[in-house]
Amino acid sequence: MTRDDIIRMAREAKLLGEVNGWDVWYPDELEHFAQLVAAAKAKELAEELRKMPLNDTASSIAIWIREQE
């Protein structure tokens, strides 16, 4: 996951705001942002596992990880 991915997710969660020129963080949006990051990381992990030479085991683990979202 790149820095741009994280910024994009923060914007999607409406986490980034500004009041009178000051950056503002919103607690409810921060929780939503954390959920987005966790889901993206789980998807990234599932893709890496899918590529591993573990035959059906890797596929099963990748499916399980995606289902946890």
C-alpha atoms as a PDB file:
ATOM      1  CA  MET A   1       0.000   0.000   0.000  1.00  0.00           C
ATOM      2  CA  THR A   2       1.452   3.316  -1.045  1.00  0.00           C
ATOM      3  CA  ARG A   3       1.275   6.737   0.591  1.00  0.00           C
ATOM      4  CA  ASP A   4      -1.090   7.833  -2.200  1.00  0.00           C
ATOM      5  CA  ASP A   5      -3.372   4.876  -1.401  1.00  0.00           C
ATOM      6  CA  ILE A   6      -3.529   5.938   2.250  1.00  0.00           C
ATOM      7  CA  ILE A   7      -4.264   9.562   1.342  1.00  0.00           C
ATOM      8  CA  ARG A   8      -6.983   8.413  -1.074  1.00  0.00           C
ATOM      9  CA  MET A   9      -8.589   6.298   1.653  1.00  0.00           C
ATOM     10  CA  ALA A  10      -8.390   9.180   4.143  1.00  0.00           C
ATOM     11  CA  ARG A  11     -10.201  11.396   1.650  1.00  0.00           C
ATOM     12  CA  GLU A  12     -12.786   8.675   0.963  1.00  0.00           C
ATOM     13  CA  ALA A  13     -13.461   8.426   4.688  1.00  0.00           C
ATOM     14  CA  LYS A  14     -13.789  12.232   4.845  1.00  0.00           C
ATOM     15  CA  LEU A  15     -11.009  12.115   7.416  1.00  0.00           C
ATOM     16  CA  LEU A  16      -9.143  15.125   6.105  1.00  0.00           C
ATOM     17  CA  GLY A  17     -10.693  18.499   6.798  1.00  0.00           C
ATOM     18  CA  GLU A  18      -9.699  22.084   7.296  1.00  0.00           C
ATOM     19  CA  VAL A  19     -11.020  24.807   9.579  1.00  0.00           C
ATOM     20  CA  ASN A  20      -9.559  28.310   9.295  1.00  0.00           C
ATOM     21  CA  GLY A  21      -6.450  26.911   7.616  1.00  0.00           C
ATOM     22  CA  TRP A  22      -5.890  24.184  10.231  1.00  0.00           C
ATOM     23  CA  ASP A  23      -6.010  20.475   9.387  1.00  0.00           C
ATOM     24  CA  VAL A  24      -8.766  18.734  11.323  1.00  0.00           C
ATOM     25  CA  TRP A  25      -9.218  15.026  12.152  1.00  0.00           C
ATOM     26  CA  TYR A  26     -12.681  13.692  12.950  1.00  0.00           C
ATOM     27  CA  PRO A  27     -12.956  10.761  15.432  1.00  0.00           C
ATOM     28  CA  ASP A  28     -15.827   8.892  13.700  1.00  0.00           C
ATOM     29  CA  GLU A  29     -14.142   9.271  10.345  1.00  0.00           C
ATOM     30  CA  LEU A  30     -10.868   8.091  11.873  1.00  0.00           C
ATOM     31  CA  GLU A  31     -12.545   4.802  12.802  1.00  0.00           C
ATOM     32  CA  HIS A  32     -13.936   4.448   9.263  1.00  0.00           C
ATOM     33  CA  PHE A  33     -10.471   5.179   7.883  1.00  0.00           C
ATOM     34  CA  ALA A  34      -8.949   2.453  10.059  1.00  0.00           C
ATOM     35  CA  GLN A  35     -11.536   0.003   8.689  1.00  0.00           C
ATOM     36  CA  LEU A  36     -10.658   0.976   5.098  1.00  0.00           C
ATOM     37  CA  VAL A  37      -6.942   0.502   5.764  1.00  0.00           C
ATOM     38  CA  ALA A  38      -7.512  -2.884   7.421  1.00  0.00           C
ATOM     39  CA  ALA A  39      -9.671  -4.085   4.508  1.00  0.00           C
ATOM     40  CA  ALA A  40      -7.090  -2.936   1.964  1.00  0.00           C
ATOM     41  CA  LYS A  41      -4.306  -4.645   3.881  1.00  0.00           C
ATOM     42  CA  ALA A  42      -6.328  -7.883   4.116  1.00  0.00           C
ATOM     43  CA  LYS A  43      -6.940  -7.788   0.366  1.00  0.00           C
ATOM     44  CA  GLU A  44      -3.232  -7.173  -0.261  1.00  0.00           C
ATOM     45  CA  LEU A  45      -2.320 -10.101   1.988  1.00  0.00           C
ATOM     46  CA  ALA A  46      -4.854 -12.383   0.301  1.00  0.00           C
ATOM     47  CA  GLU A  47      -3.341 -11.579  -3.099  1.00  0.00           C
ATOM     48  CA  GLU A  48       0.166 -12.336  -1.854  1.00  0.00           C
ATOM     49  CA  LEU A  49      -0.979 -15.649  -0.362  1.00  0.00           C
ATOM     50  CA  ARG A  50      -2.736 -16.555  -3.596  1.00  0.00           C
ATOM     51  CA  LYS A  51       0.617 -16.259  -5.403  1.00  0.00           C
ATOM     52  CA  MET A  52       2.400 -18.603  -3.001  1.00  0.00           C
ATOM     53  CA  PRO A  53       3.130 -22.158  -4.173  1.00  0.00           C
ATOM     54  CA  LEU A  54       0.852 -23.834  -1.647  1.00  0.00           C
ATOM     55  CA  ASN A  55      -1.712 -25.124  -4.153  1.00  0.00           C
ATOM     56  CA  ASP A  56      -5.226 -25.309  -2.676  1.00  0.00           C
ATOM     57  CA  THR A  57      -4.054 -24.236   0.760  1.00  0.00           C
ATOM     58  CA  ALA A  58      -3.051 -20.749  -0.452  1.00  0.00           C
ATOM     59  CA  SER A  59      -6.360 -20.322  -2.270  1.00  0.00           C
ATOM     60  CA  SER A  60      -8.310 -21.407   0.803  1.00  0.00           C
ATOM     61  CA  ILE A  61      -6.432 -18.980   3.042  1.00  0.00           C
ATOM     62  CA  ALA A  62      -6.901 -16.121   0.544  1.00  0.00           C
ATOM     63  CA  ILE A  63     -10.661 -16.805   0.379  1.00  0.00           C
ATOM     64  CA  TRP A  64     -10.882 -16.899   4.170  1.00  0.00           C
ATOM     65  CA  ILE A  65      -9.050 -13.568   4.507  1.00  0.00           C
ATOM     66  CA  ARG A  66     -11.357 -11.870   1.973  1.00  0.00           C
ATOM     67  CA  GLU A  67     -14.403 -13.194   3.824  1.00  0.00           C
ATOM     68  CA  GLN A  68     -13.202 -11.513   7.038  1.00  0.00           C
ATOM     69  CA  GLU A  69     -13.867  -8.039   5.585  1.00  0.00           C
END
